[in-house]
């Protein structure tokens, strides 16, 4: 067995960690995968040519660099605890997807609707990670491909709605609803990060450098900033711009899922 180590520079959140795991899960000869999201590094124990593993990770376009190989032995993760953590992360993200979508529609906020889709996209990644366990390679790819197409389609519809609202000139959204819901979603994202970090390290602490570089935290912050600017200017444009940016982020995540399922 060989242990290949990689730096995945753009692996910024727990959902992208699951994409990394799924990218190599389909390869025969993978024994163990250990991810250190704090420093964005991945160690993979395998019996393959290192080039095969490198190619699979680089297909995600997360700026992967092969750091080297050695013959150490990785400690297997507690599969039961990890599965429980993924289930809880799925429930948190799915719950906030429904909540943000509902409040976004009521408050007329495209940024909040887009953030809801981002949470839904994360939920689908956690669901894929759970459903793919023990499934045949063909079934795994089918599940991932269906999720990728759905996310991409929803992001396209969202971008179309942003353009439509910009053209017709919609009234500004309810900024109070935007801020309150985004703060709740941010809390949910932090809980998810703490939960998955505890499974990996056995500790409950979370380094600030990790929290504040997570994509999901940035997205929540973008919605809050958009709401503040809308309140200050009385214009719906900041909300529409924030929504467009988040829809593009979701579409890019869908593209990565489609890449690993091709």
Protein backbone atom coordinates (compact mmCIF):
# COMPACT_ATOMS: atom_id res chain seq x y z
CA UNK A 1 0.00 0.00 0.00
CA UNK A 2 1.08 3.55 -0.81
CA UNK A 3 -0.05 6.73 0.91
CA UNK A 4 -0.28 9.68 -1.49
CA UNK A 5 -0.62 13.15 -0.03
CA UNK A 6 -2.23 16.09 -1.77
CA UNK A 7 -2.93 19.74 -1.14
CA UNK A 8 -6.37 20.76 -2.40
CA UNK A 9 -6.10 24.55 -2.22
CA UNK A 10 -9.73 25.36 -3.05
CA UNK A 11 -11.34 22.75 -0.78
CA UNK A 12 -13.07 25.35 1.37
CA UNK A 13 -16.00 23.59 2.99
CA UNK A 14 -17.29 20.28 4.29
CA UNK A 15 -19.40 19.66 1.17
CA UNK A 16 -16.31 19.99 -1.04
CA UNK A 17 -14.54 17.51 1.24
CA UNK A 18 -17.30 15.02 0.40
CA UNK A 19 -16.79 15.73 -3.32
CA UNK A 20 -13.11 14.87 -2.90
CA UNK A 21 -14.03 11.61 -1.20
CA UNK A 22 -16.53 10.73 -3.93
CA UNK A 23 -13.99 11.54 -6.65
CA UNK A 24 -11.66 8.75 -5.48
CA UNK A 25 -14.29 6.39 -4.06
CA UNK A 26 -14.95 5.01 -7.53
CA UNK A 27 -11.32 3.91 -8.00
CA UNK A 28 -10.48 0.26 -7.33
CA UNK A 29 -7.65 -0.01 -4.82
CA UNK A 30 -8.56 2.87 -2.50
CA UNK A 31 -8.11 1.71 1.09
CA UNK A 32 -8.53 4.83 3.22
CA UNK A 33 -9.01 8.59 2.78
CA UNK A 34 -8.09 11.08 5.50
CA UNK A 35 -8.94 14.76 5.02
CA UNK A 36 -7.52 17.68 7.00
CA UNK A 37 -9.79 20.55 6.02
CA UNK A 38 -7.92 22.97 8.30
CA UNK A 39 -4.85 22.88 6.04
CA UNK A 40 -6.68 21.63 2.92
CA UNK A 41 -4.69 18.42 2.65
CA UNK A 42 -5.78 14.88 1.72
CA UNK A 43 -3.96 11.61 2.44
CA UNK A 44 -5.06 8.55 0.45
CA UNK A 45 -3.93 4.99 1.12
CA UNK A 46 -4.14 2.93 -2.07
CA UNK A 47 -2.61 0.25 -4.28
CA UNK A 48 -2.78 2.25 -7.52
CA UNK A 49 -0.33 4.28 -9.53
CA UNK A 50 -0.23 7.71 -7.84
CA UNK A 51 -0.96 9.33 -11.21
CA UNK A 52 -4.42 7.71 -11.27
CA UNK A 53 -5.35 9.24 -7.93
CA UNK A 54 -3.91 12.61 -8.93
CA UNK A 55 -5.96 12.64 -12.14
CA UNK A 56 -9.18 11.87 -10.26
CA UNK A 57 -8.63 14.74 -7.82
CA UNK A 58 -7.50 17.24 -10.44
CA UNK A 59 -10.74 16.64 -12.37
CA UNK A 60 -12.56 18.54 -9.59
CA UNK A 61 -10.74 21.79 -10.47
CA UNK A 62 -9.98 22.50 -6.83
CA UNK A 63 -6.30 23.31 -7.46
CA UNK A 64 -4.86 19.94 -6.42
CA UNK A 65 -1.11 19.48 -5.96
CA UNK A 66 0.53 16.06 -5.39
CA UNK A 67 2.81 16.54 -2.36
CA UNK A 68 4.42 13.10 -2.41
CA UNK A 69 4.10 9.43 -1.47
CA UNK A 70 5.20 7.26 1.46
CA UNK A 71 4.54 3.82 2.91
CA UNK A 72 2.96 4.82 6.23
CA UNK A 73 -0.38 3.40 7.35
CA UNK A 74 -3.40 5.64 7.78
CA UNK A 75 -5.70 5.16 10.75
CA UNK A 76 -9.17 4.16 9.59
CA UNK A 77 -11.96 6.57 10.46
CA UNK A 78 -14.86 5.59 12.67
CA UNK A 79 -17.36 4.81 9.92
CA UNK A 80 -20.38 4.72 12.23
CA UNK A 81 -19.63 8.13 13.75
CA UNK A 82 -18.91 9.63 10.35
CA UNK A 83 -22.19 8.31 8.95
CA UNK A 84 -24.10 9.75 11.91
CA UNK A 85 -22.40 13.13 11.38
CA UNK A 86 -23.27 13.10 7.67
CA UNK A 87 -26.91 12.34 8.48
CA UNK A 88 -27.09 15.26 10.92
CA UNK A 89 -25.34 17.55 8.39
CA UNK A 90 -27.86 16.44 5.76
CA UNK A 91 -30.79 17.21 8.06
CA UNK A 92 -29.39 20.65 8.97
CA UNK A 93 -28.77 21.66 5.37
CA UNK A 94 -32.06 20.25 4.08
CA UNK A 95 -33.94 22.03 6.86
CA UNK A 96 -32.35 25.38 6.08
CA UNK A 97 -32.95 24.81 2.37
CA UNK A 98 -36.70 24.64 3.05
CA UNK A 99 -36.59 27.51 5.55
CA UNK A 100 -34.53 29.89 3.41
CA UNK A 101 -36.53 29.09 0.29
CA UNK A 102 -39.80 29.80 2.09
CA UNK A 103 -38.59 33.06 3.63
CA UNK A 104 -36.90 34.05 0.35
CA UNK A 105 -40.13 33.68 -1.60
CA UNK A 106 -42.13 35.58 1.03
CA UNK A 107 -39.56 38.39 1.35
CA UNK A 108 -38.96 38.51 -2.46
CA UNK A 109 -35.20 38.08 -1.97
CA UNK A 110 -33.30 36.43 -4.81
CA UNK A 111 -30.15 36.33 -2.66
CA UNK A 112 -31.97 34.32 0.01
CA UNK A 113 -33.50 31.99 -2.59
CA UNK A 114 -30.04 31.44 -4.08
CA UNK A 115 -28.58 30.80 -0.62
CA UNK A 116 -31.34 28.24 -0.07
CA UNK A 117 -30.29 26.49 -3.27
CA UNK A 118 -26.68 26.53 -2.05
CA UNK A 119 -27.77 24.82 1.18
CA UNK A 120 -29.80 22.36 -0.88
CA UNK A 121 -26.77 21.63 -3.04
CA UNK A 122 -24.72 20.85 0.09
CA UNK A 123 -27.52 18.61 1.35
CA UNK A 124 -27.45 16.69 -1.94
CA UNK A 125 -23.68 16.14 -1.58
CA UNK A 126 -24.14 14.72 1.93
CA UNK A 127 -27.02 12.57 0.66
CA UNK A 128 -24.85 11.28 -2.20
CA UNK A 129 -22.08 10.42 0.25
CA UNK A 130 -24.54 8.36 2.29
CA UNK A 131 -26.36 6.72 -0.62
CA UNK A 132 -23.13 5.81 -2.41
CA UNK A 133 -21.87 3.66 0.49
CA UNK A 134 -21.82 0.07 -0.73
CA UNK A 135 -23.51 0.94 -4.03
CA UNK A 136 -22.23 -0.25 -7.39
CA UNK A 137 -20.05 2.17 -9.35
CA UNK A 138 -22.73 2.62 -12.02
CA UNK A 139 -25.36 3.44 -9.39
CA UNK A 140 -23.05 5.96 -7.70
CA UNK A 141 -22.51 7.76 -10.99
CA UNK A 142 -26.22 7.79 -11.78
CA UNK A 143 -27.01 9.34 -8.39
CA UNK A 144 -24.30 11.97 -8.75
CA UNK A 145 -25.23 12.80 -12.34
CA UNK A 146 -28.91 13.27 -11.47
CA UNK A 147 -28.01 15.59 -8.61
CA UNK A 148 -25.62 17.58 -10.80
CA UNK A 149 -28.18 18.11 -13.58
CA UNK A 150 -30.86 19.12 -11.08
CA UNK A 151 -28.60 21.67 -9.38
CA UNK A 152 -27.43 23.07 -12.70
CA UNK A 153 -31.01 23.40 -13.94
CA UNK A 154 -32.18 25.17 -10.78
CA UNK A 155 -29.20 27.56 -10.93
CA UNK A 156 -30.04 28.37 -14.58
CA UNK A 157 -33.68 29.07 -13.67
CA UNK A 158 -32.50 31.28 -10.81
CA UNK A 159 -30.20 33.31 -13.06
CA UNK A 160 -33.05 33.75 -15.54
CA UNK A 161 -35.28 35.06 -12.74
CA UNK A 162 -32.54 37.50 -11.65
CA UNK A 163 -32.37 38.89 -15.18
CA UNK A 164 -36.17 39.08 -15.42
CA UNK A 165 -36.46 41.00 -12.16
CA UNK A 166 -33.69 43.37 -13.21
CA UNK A 167 -35.48 44.12 -16.50
CA UNK A 168 -38.98 44.61 -15.06
CA UNK A 169 -37.76 46.46 -11.96
CA UNK A 170 -38.90 44.62 -8.83
CA UNK A 171 -39.49 46.31 -5.47
CA UNK A 172 -36.71 45.88 -2.86
CA UNK A 173 -36.95 42.75 -0.69
CA UNK A 174 -37.64 42.68 3.06
CA UNK A 175 -34.14 43.17 4.47
CA UNK A 176 -35.02 42.19 8.06
CA UNK A 177 -36.10 38.73 6.90
CA UNK A 178 -32.91 38.43 4.84
CA UNK A 179 -30.62 39.24 7.74
CA UNK A 180 -32.40 37.11 10.36
CA UNK A 181 -32.63 34.05 8.08
CA UNK A 182 -29.01 34.39 6.95
CA UNK A 183 -27.78 34.59 10.54
CA UNK A 184 -29.70 31.40 11.33
CA UNK A 185 -28.26 29.69 8.23
CA UNK A 186 -24.76 30.83 9.20
CA UNK A 187 -25.28 29.22 12.61
CA UNK A 188 -26.36 26.00 10.90
CA UNK A 189 -23.24 26.00 8.73
CA UNK A 190 -20.96 26.51 11.74
CA UNK A 191 -22.69 23.64 13.57
CA UNK A 192 -22.12 21.41 10.53
CA UNK A 193 -18.44 22.34 10.38
CA UNK A 194 -17.95 21.69 14.10
CA UNK A 195 -19.77 18.38 13.84
CA UNK A 196 -17.71 17.03 10.95
CA UNK A 197 -14.49 18.34 12.46
CA UNK A 198 -15.23 16.50 15.70
CA UNK A 199 -15.68 13.23 13.81
CA UNK A 200 -12.28 13.62 12.19
CA UNK A 201 -10.25 14.81 15.18
CA UNK A 202 -12.23 13.67 18.22
CA UNK A 203 -12.22 17.25 19.47
CA UNK A 204 -14.89 19.94 19.45
CA UNK A 205 -12.62 22.94 18.80
CA UNK A 206 -12.64 24.70 15.45
CA UNK A 207 -9.91 26.99 14.20
CA UNK A 208 -11.11 30.45 13.16
CA UNK A 209 -8.98 30.31 10.03
CA UNK A 210 -11.06 27.34 8.89
CA UNK A 211 -14.47 28.78 9.82
CA UNK A 212 -14.02 32.06 8.03
CA UNK A 213 -12.65 30.60 4.81
CA UNK A 214 -15.59 28.21 4.33
CA UNK A 215 -17.60 28.96 1.18
CA UNK A 216 -20.92 28.59 2.96
CA UNK A 217 -19.97 31.20 5.55
CA UNK A 218 -18.96 33.58 2.78
CA UNK A 219 -22.29 33.07 1.03
CA UNK A 220 -24.24 33.79 4.22
CA UNK A 221 -22.15 36.90 4.73
CA UNK A 222 -22.82 38.03 1.16
CA UNK A 223 -26.58 37.86 1.73
CA UNK A 224 -26.28 39.88 4.93
CA UNK A 225 -24.15 42.54 3.20
CA UNK A 226 -26.63 42.68 0.31
CA UNK A 227 -29.50 43.20 2.77
CA UNK A 228 -27.64 46.05 4.49
CA UNK A 229 -26.94 47.78 1.16
CA UNK A 230 -30.56 47.31 0.04
CA UNK A 231 -31.74 48.91 3.30
CA UNK A 232 -29.30 51.81 2.86
CA UNK A 233 -30.06 52.51 -0.81
CA UNK A 234 -33.66 51.39 -1.25
CA UNK A 235 -32.61 49.53 -4.39
CA UNK A 236 -33.21 45.85 -5.19
CA UNK A 237 -30.02 45.70 -7.28
CA UNK A 238 -27.66 44.50 -4.46
CA UNK A 239 -30.02 41.60 -3.75
CA UNK A 240 -30.13 40.65 -7.43
CA UNK A 241 -26.34 40.84 -7.79
CA UNK A 242 -25.81 38.70 -4.68
CA UNK A 243 -28.34 36.18 -5.98
CA UNK A 244 -26.58 36.00 -9.35
CA UNK A 245 -23.18 35.39 -7.69
CA UNK A 246 -24.58 32.59 -5.51
CA UNK A 247 -26.38 30.93 -8.42
CA UNK A 248 -23.07 30.88 -10.31
CA UNK A 249 -21.40 29.24 -7.26
CA UNK A 250 -24.13 26.56 -7.23
CA UNK A 251 -23.75 25.99 -10.97
CA UNK A 252 -20.00 25.56 -10.54
CA UNK A 253 -20.59 23.00 -7.78
CA UNK A 254 -22.97 21.15 -10.10
CA UNK A 255 -20.28 21.14 -12.76
CA UNK A 256 -17.85 19.44 -10.33
CA UNK A 257 -20.44 16.78 -9.50
CA UNK A 258 -20.98 16.12 -13.20
CA UNK A 259 -17.23 15.84 -13.70
CA UNK A 260 -16.85 13.08 -11.10
CA UNK A 261 -19.90 11.23 -12.48
CA UNK A 262 -18.86 11.30 -16.14
